[in-house]
Amino acid sequence: MRLENTGIEDVVIDLKPLDHLTGKHAFIRAGQWDYERVTYDYKIGSKEKNITYYIRIQGYALEGDVDRGDAVIQLMTPLLGKHYYPHGVEYGEEENFPKNLVERANNLVTKVVDEIQQYKK
C-alpha cells in the first residue's frame, strides 16, 4: 500500500543526514542499498501468526554514489507492506491493513519528514 501525501515524496536530501534521521526514527537501511538506490524499513510486529508489517521509505541517487556516501537522494512515496513468513513482503493494494496501522505508519513517516525539512536541498 502506498502512503500517499506524506510530504516525503520528491524530497531531495544528502545521504548522510538521511541515514542519521531515518536511523533516529528506527528506519533501518542495513544491506538494503546498491550504488544508486536506498531502502529504509521500519518493522512492526503483529499478533497474527507469521505476519510482520514493514514501512518502507525508498529513494534513488540523483548524483553521487551510495557506496561512497556522497549521494544526493530523491525520496519516493513510502510503502506499507505485510510480510508473510516465509514467502516475503506484499505491498499490493489488495492487502488488508488495519486502520490503526495505517495511521501509525503515516505518523511515523510524518515524524521523519518533519526533521528532514531542515536538510532538504
N, C-alpha and C. Protein backbone atom coordinates (compact mmCIF):
# COMPACT_ATOMS: atom_id res chain seq x y z
N MET A 1 0.85 -1.18 0.00
CA MET A 1 0.00 0.00 0.00
C MET A 1 0.89 1.24 0.00
N ARG A 2 0.57 2.15 -0.89
CA ARG A 2 1.32 3.41 -0.95
C ARG A 2 0.77 4.36 0.13
N LEU A 3 1.68 5.01 0.84
CA LEU A 3 1.30 6.01 1.84
C LEU A 3 1.40 7.37 1.16
N GLU A 4 0.30 7.79 0.57
CA GLU A 4 0.27 9.00 -0.25
C GLU A 4 0.25 10.27 0.60
N ASN A 5 0.76 11.35 0.03
CA ASN A 5 0.67 12.70 0.59
C ASN A 5 1.29 12.83 1.99
N THR A 6 2.42 12.17 2.20
CA THR A 6 3.10 12.27 3.49
C THR A 6 4.04 13.47 3.54
N GLY A 7 4.36 14.02 2.37
CA GLY A 7 5.30 15.12 2.31
C GLY A 7 6.73 14.67 2.07
N ILE A 8 6.96 13.37 2.05
CA ILE A 8 8.32 12.87 1.83
C ILE A 8 8.59 12.63 0.34
N GLU A 9 7.51 12.51 -0.43
CA GLU A 9 7.66 12.28 -1.86
C GLU A 9 8.43 13.43 -2.49
N ASP A 10 9.39 13.09 -3.27
CA ASP A 10 10.18 14.05 -4.04
C ASP A 10 11.13 14.92 -3.21
N VAL A 11 11.30 14.63 -1.93
CA VAL A 11 12.29 15.35 -1.12
C VAL A 11 13.68 14.96 -1.64
N VAL A 12 14.55 15.94 -1.77
CA VAL A 12 15.94 15.71 -2.18
C VAL A 12 16.81 16.06 -0.98
N ILE A 13 17.69 15.10 -0.60
CA ILE A 13 18.49 15.25 0.62
C ILE A 13 19.80 14.47 0.47
N ASP A 14 20.86 14.96 1.11
CA ASP A 14 22.13 14.23 1.13
C ASP A 14 21.98 12.95 1.92
N LEU A 15 22.72 11.93 1.52
CA LEU A 15 22.62 10.60 2.13
C LEU A 15 22.97 10.59 3.62
N LYS A 16 24.01 11.28 4.02
CA LYS A 16 24.44 11.21 5.43
C LYS A 16 23.38 11.71 6.41
N PRO A 17 22.80 12.90 6.21
CA PRO A 17 21.73 13.29 7.13
C PRO A 17 20.50 12.40 7.02
N LEU A 18 20.24 11.88 5.82
CA LEU A 18 19.11 10.97 5.65
C LEU A 18 19.32 9.69 6.46
N ASP A 19 20.53 9.12 6.40
CA ASP A 19 20.84 7.94 7.21
C ASP A 19 20.65 8.23 8.69
N HIS A 20 21.14 9.38 9.12
CA HIS A 20 21.04 9.75 10.54
C HIS A 20 19.58 9.89 10.97
N LEU A 21 18.80 10.64 10.22
CA LEU A 21 17.41 10.91 10.61
C LEU A 21 16.54 9.66 10.56
N THR A 22 16.71 8.86 9.53
CA THR A 22 15.91 7.64 9.46
C THR A 22 16.30 6.68 10.58
N GLY A 23 17.58 6.58 10.87
CA GLY A 23 18.03 5.72 11.97
C GLY A 23 17.51 6.19 13.31
N LYS A 24 17.45 7.48 13.49
CA LYS A 24 16.93 8.07 14.73
C LYS A 24 15.48 7.66 14.98
N HIS A 25 14.75 7.40 13.90
CA HIS A 25 13.35 7.00 14.00
C HIS A 25 13.15 5.51 13.74
N ALA A 26 14.20 4.73 13.89
CA ALA A 26 14.18 3.26 13.79
C ALA A 26 13.89 2.73 12.40
N PHE A 27 14.12 3.53 11.36
CA PHE A 27 14.09 3.02 10.00
C PHE A 27 15.51 2.55 9.67
N ILE A 28 15.64 1.30 9.31
CA ILE A 28 16.95 0.68 9.13
C ILE A 28 17.26 0.47 7.65
N ARG A 29 18.45 0.91 7.23
CA ARG A 29 18.88 0.69 5.85
C ARG A 29 19.56 -0.65 5.72
N ALA A 30 20.37 -1.02 6.69
CA ALA A 30 21.10 -2.30 6.69
C ALA A 30 21.72 -2.56 5.32
N GLY A 31 21.48 -3.73 4.76
CA GLY A 31 22.07 -4.07 3.46
C GLY A 31 21.16 -3.73 2.30
N GLN A 32 20.14 -2.94 2.54
CA GLN A 32 19.16 -2.66 1.50
C GLN A 32 19.53 -1.42 0.71
N TRP A 33 20.57 -1.56 -0.08
CA TRP A 33 21.01 -0.45 -0.90
C TRP A 33 21.86 -1.01 -2.04
N ASP A 34 22.03 -0.23 -3.05
CA ASP A 34 23.04 -0.50 -4.06
C ASP A 34 23.68 0.85 -4.39
N TYR A 35 24.38 0.95 -5.45
CA TYR A 35 25.10 2.19 -5.73
C TYR A 35 24.18 3.36 -6.05
N GLU A 36 22.96 3.05 -6.47
CA GLU A 36 22.06 4.11 -6.92
C GLU A 36 20.76 4.20 -6.13
N ARG A 37 20.49 3.25 -5.22
CA ARG A 37 19.21 3.24 -4.51
C ARG A 37 19.41 2.95 -3.03
N VAL A 38 18.46 3.44 -2.23
CA VAL A 38 18.45 3.13 -0.79
C VAL A 38 17.03 2.73 -0.40
N THR A 39 16.96 1.89 0.63
CA THR A 39 15.68 1.45 1.17
C THR A 39 15.81 1.40 2.68
N TYR A 40 14.87 2.06 3.37
CA TYR A 40 14.84 2.07 4.83
C TYR A 40 13.55 1.39 5.27
N ASP A 41 13.67 0.44 6.19
CA ASP A 41 12.50 -0.29 6.67
C ASP A 41 12.29 -0.09 8.16
N TYR A 42 11.02 0.01 8.53
CA TYR A 42 10.61 0.08 9.93
C TYR A 42 9.73 -1.15 10.16
N LYS A 43 10.13 -1.97 11.11
CA LYS A 43 9.45 -3.24 11.39
C LYS A 43 8.39 -3.05 12.47
N ILE A 44 7.18 -3.58 12.20
CA ILE A 44 6.08 -3.53 13.16
C ILE A 44 5.59 -4.95 13.37
N GLY A 45 5.70 -5.44 14.59
CA GLY A 45 5.23 -6.78 14.92
C GLY A 45 3.72 -6.87 14.86
N SER A 46 3.23 -8.09 14.80
CA SER A 46 1.79 -8.32 14.71
C SER A 46 1.41 -9.51 15.60
N LYS A 47 0.19 -9.48 16.09
CA LYS A 47 -0.31 -10.61 16.87
C LYS A 47 -0.73 -11.77 15.97
N GLU A 48 -0.85 -11.47 14.67
CA GLU A 48 -1.18 -12.51 13.71
C GLU A 48 0.00 -13.46 13.56
N LYS A 49 -0.27 -14.73 13.46
CA LYS A 49 0.80 -15.72 13.35
C LYS A 49 1.55 -15.55 12.03
N ASN A 50 2.88 -15.48 12.13
CA ASN A 50 3.79 -15.39 10.98
C ASN A 50 3.58 -14.15 10.11
N ILE A 51 3.07 -13.06 10.71
CA ILE A 51 2.86 -11.81 9.97
C ILE A 51 3.65 -10.70 10.65
N THR A 52 4.37 -9.94 9.84
CA THR A 52 5.08 -8.74 10.30
C THR A 52 4.81 -7.66 9.27
N TYR A 53 4.63 -6.44 9.72
CA TYR A 53 4.40 -5.32 8.82
C TYR A 53 5.69 -4.50 8.70
N TYR A 54 5.86 -3.87 7.56
CA TYR A 54 7.02 -3.01 7.32
C TYR A 54 6.56 -1.72 6.67
N ILE A 55 7.14 -0.61 7.15
CA ILE A 55 7.01 0.67 6.45
C ILE A 55 8.31 0.82 5.69
N ARG A 56 8.23 1.12 4.43
CA ARG A 56 9.43 1.22 3.60
C ARG A 56 9.52 2.61 2.98
N ILE A 57 10.67 3.25 3.22
CA ILE A 57 10.99 4.52 2.57
C ILE A 57 12.10 4.23 1.57
N GLN A 58 11.88 4.60 0.31
CA GLN A 58 12.85 4.33 -0.74
C GLN A 58 13.31 5.62 -1.40
N GLY A 59 14.49 5.56 -1.97
CA GLY A 59 15.00 6.70 -2.71
C GLY A 59 16.04 6.26 -3.71
N TYR A 60 16.39 7.17 -4.61
CA TYR A 60 17.43 6.87 -5.59
C TYR A 60 18.37 8.07 -5.70
N ALA A 61 19.60 7.77 -6.11
CA ALA A 61 20.63 8.80 -6.19
C ALA A 61 20.44 9.65 -7.45
N LEU A 62 20.34 10.96 -7.24
CA LEU A 62 20.32 11.89 -8.36
C LEU A 62 21.74 12.18 -8.82
N GLU A 63 22.66 12.12 -7.86
CA GLU A 63 24.09 12.31 -8.14
C GLU A 63 24.87 11.64 -7.04
N GLY A 64 26.14 11.38 -7.30
CA GLY A 64 26.99 10.74 -6.31
C GLY A 64 26.75 9.24 -6.26
N ASP A 65 27.30 8.62 -5.21
CA ASP A 65 27.31 7.17 -5.09
C ASP A 65 26.97 6.78 -3.65
N VAL A 66 25.98 5.92 -3.48
CA VAL A 66 25.57 5.48 -2.15
C VAL A 66 26.74 4.78 -1.45
N ASP A 67 27.48 3.96 -2.17
CA ASP A 67 28.60 3.22 -1.58
C ASP A 67 29.66 4.16 -1.01
N ARG A 68 29.94 5.25 -1.68
CA ARG A 68 30.94 6.21 -1.20
C ARG A 68 30.37 7.14 -0.14
N GLY A 69 29.02 7.18 -0.01
CA GLY A 69 28.39 8.02 0.99
C GLY A 69 28.20 9.46 0.56
N ASP A 70 28.41 9.74 -0.74
CA ASP A 70 28.30 11.12 -1.20
C ASP A 70 27.07 11.35 -2.09
N ALA A 71 26.10 10.45 -2.00
CA ALA A 71 24.93 10.54 -2.87
C ALA A 71 23.96 11.62 -2.40
N VAL A 72 23.27 12.20 -3.36
CA VAL A 72 22.13 13.07 -3.12
C VAL A 72 20.92 12.23 -3.51
N ILE A 73 20.02 12.04 -2.55
CA ILE A 73 18.92 11.09 -2.73
C ILE A 73 17.59 11.81 -2.97
N GLN A 74 16.83 11.32 -3.92
CA GLN A 74 15.45 11.76 -4.13
C GLN A 74 14.56 10.67 -3.53
N LEU A 75 13.72 11.05 -2.57
CA LEU A 75 12.84 10.09 -1.92
C LEU A 75 11.56 9.87 -2.72
N MET A 76 10.98 8.70 -2.50
CA MET A 76 9.78 8.29 -3.23
C MET A 76 8.62 8.09 -2.25
N THR A 77 7.45 7.80 -2.77
CA THR A 77 6.28 7.55 -1.93
C THR A 77 6.54 6.31 -1.06
N PRO A 78 6.38 6.45 0.26
CA PRO A 78 6.62 5.30 1.15
C PRO A 78 5.55 4.22 0.96
N LEU A 79 5.90 3.03 1.38
CA LEU A 79 5.02 1.87 1.25
C LEU A 79 4.76 1.23 2.60
N LEU A 80 3.60 0.62 2.74
CA LEU A 80 3.28 -0.21 3.89
C LEU A 80 3.11 -1.62 3.35
N GLY A 81 3.87 -2.56 3.91
CA GLY A 81 3.83 -3.93 3.43
C GLY A 81 3.56 -4.93 4.52
N LYS A 82 3.16 -6.10 4.10
CA LYS A 82 2.82 -7.19 5.02
C LYS A 82 3.71 -8.38 4.66
N HIS A 83 4.53 -8.80 5.62
CA HIS A 83 5.44 -9.93 5.39
C HIS A 83 4.76 -11.22 5.82
N TYR A 84 4.68 -12.14 4.88
CA TYR A 84 4.15 -13.47 5.15
C TYR A 84 5.32 -14.44 5.23
N TYR A 85 5.59 -14.92 6.42
CA TYR A 85 6.69 -15.86 6.58
C TYR A 85 6.29 -17.19 5.97
N PRO A 86 7.10 -17.84 5.21
CA PRO A 86 8.44 -17.50 4.72
C PRO A 86 8.44 -16.92 3.31
N HIS A 87 7.31 -16.40 2.84
CA HIS A 87 7.17 -16.04 1.43
C HIS A 87 7.69 -14.66 1.05
N GLY A 88 7.61 -13.69 1.92
CA GLY A 88 8.10 -12.36 1.59
C GLY A 88 7.08 -11.27 1.87
N VAL A 89 7.43 -10.05 1.45
CA VAL A 89 6.61 -8.88 1.74
C VAL A 89 5.72 -8.56 0.54
N GLU A 90 4.45 -8.29 0.82
CA GLU A 90 3.49 -7.88 -0.20
C GLU A 90 3.11 -6.43 0.06
N TYR A 91 3.17 -5.60 -0.98
CA TYR A 91 2.82 -4.19 -0.87
C TYR A 91 1.57 -3.84 -1.66
N GLY A 92 0.90 -4.82 -2.20
CA GLY A 92 -0.22 -4.60 -3.09
C GLY A 92 -1.43 -3.95 -2.45
N GLU A 93 -2.18 -3.26 -3.26
CA GLU A 93 -3.38 -2.57 -2.81
C GLU A 93 -4.47 -3.54 -2.36
N GLU A 94 -4.36 -4.81 -2.78
CA GLU A 94 -5.36 -5.79 -2.39
C GLU A 94 -5.15 -6.32 -0.97
N GLU A 95 -4.03 -5.94 -0.34
CA GLU A 95 -3.78 -6.33 1.04
C GLU A 95 -4.69 -5.55 1.98
N ASN A 96 -5.09 -6.18 3.06
CA ASN A 96 -5.88 -5.51 4.08
C ASN A 96 -4.97 -5.06 5.21
N PHE A 97 -5.02 -3.77 5.51
CA PHE A 97 -4.23 -3.21 6.60
C PHE A 97 -5.19 -2.59 7.61
N PRO A 98 -5.03 -2.92 8.90
CA PRO A 98 -5.88 -2.30 9.91
C PRO A 98 -5.74 -0.78 9.88
N LYS A 99 -6.85 -0.08 10.09
CA LYS A 99 -6.86 1.39 10.04
C LYS A 99 -5.85 1.99 11.02
N ASN A 100 -5.76 1.43 12.24
CA ASN A 100 -4.82 1.97 13.22
C ASN A 100 -3.36 1.78 12.77
N LEU A 101 -3.08 0.72 12.02
CA LEU A 101 -1.73 0.50 11.49
C LEU A 101 -1.40 1.54 10.41
N VAL A 102 -2.35 1.83 9.55
CA VAL A 102 -2.13 2.83 8.51
C VAL A 102 -1.89 4.20 9.14
N GLU A 103 -2.67 4.53 10.16
CA GLU A 103 -2.48 5.80 10.87
C GLU A 103 -1.10 5.85 11.53
N ARG A 104 -0.71 4.75 12.16
CA ARG A 104 0.61 4.70 12.80
C ARG A 104 1.71 4.87 11.76
N ALA A 105 1.58 4.21 10.63
CA ALA A 105 2.58 4.32 9.57
C ALA A 105 2.69 5.76 9.08
N ASN A 106 1.57 6.40 8.84
CA ASN A 106 1.58 7.80 8.40
C ASN A 106 2.22 8.70 9.45
N ASN A 107 1.93 8.47 10.72
CA ASN A 107 2.51 9.28 11.79
C ASN A 107 4.03 9.09 11.86
N LEU A 108 4.50 7.86 11.71
CA LEU A 108 5.95 7.61 11.77
C LEU A 108 6.67 8.29 10.61
N VAL A 109 6.11 8.21 9.42
CA VAL A 109 6.73 8.86 8.26
C VAL A 109 6.69 10.37 8.44
N THR A 110 5.61 10.91 8.97
CA THR A 110 5.49 12.35 9.20
C THR A 110 6.57 12.84 10.16
N LYS A 111 6.89 12.07 11.19
CA LYS A 111 7.95 12.46 12.13
C LYS A 111 9.29 12.58 11.41
N VAL A 112 9.57 11.67 10.50
CA VAL A 112 10.81 11.74 9.72
C VAL A 112 10.77 12.98 8.82
N VAL A 113 9.65 13.20 8.17
CA VAL A 113 9.50 14.35 7.26
C VAL A 113 9.73 15.66 8.01
N ASP A 114 9.18 15.77 9.20
CA ASP A 114 9.34 17.00 9.98
C ASP A 114 10.81 17.33 10.21
N GLU A 115 11.62 16.32 10.47
CA GLU A 115 13.05 16.57 10.72
C GLU A 115 13.85 16.74 9.43
N ILE A 116 13.40 16.11 8.36
CA ILE A 116 14.11 16.22 7.09
C ILE A 116 14.06 17.64 6.54
N GLN A 117 13.03 18.38 6.87
CA GLN A 117 12.82 19.72 6.30
C GLN A 117 14.07 20.60 6.41
N GLN A 118 14.81 20.48 7.51
CA GLN A 118 15.99 21.33 7.69
C GLN A 118 17.16 20.93 6.80
N TYR A 119 17.11 19.74 6.20
CA TYR A 119 18.21 19.26 5.37
C TYR A 119 17.88 19.20 3.89
N LYS A 120 16.64 19.51 3.54
CA LYS A 120 16.23 19.43 2.13
C LYS A 120 17.12 20.29 1.27
N LYS A 121 17.36 19.81 0.05
CA LYS A 121 18.15 20.57 -0.92
C LYS A 121 17.24 21.40 -1.79
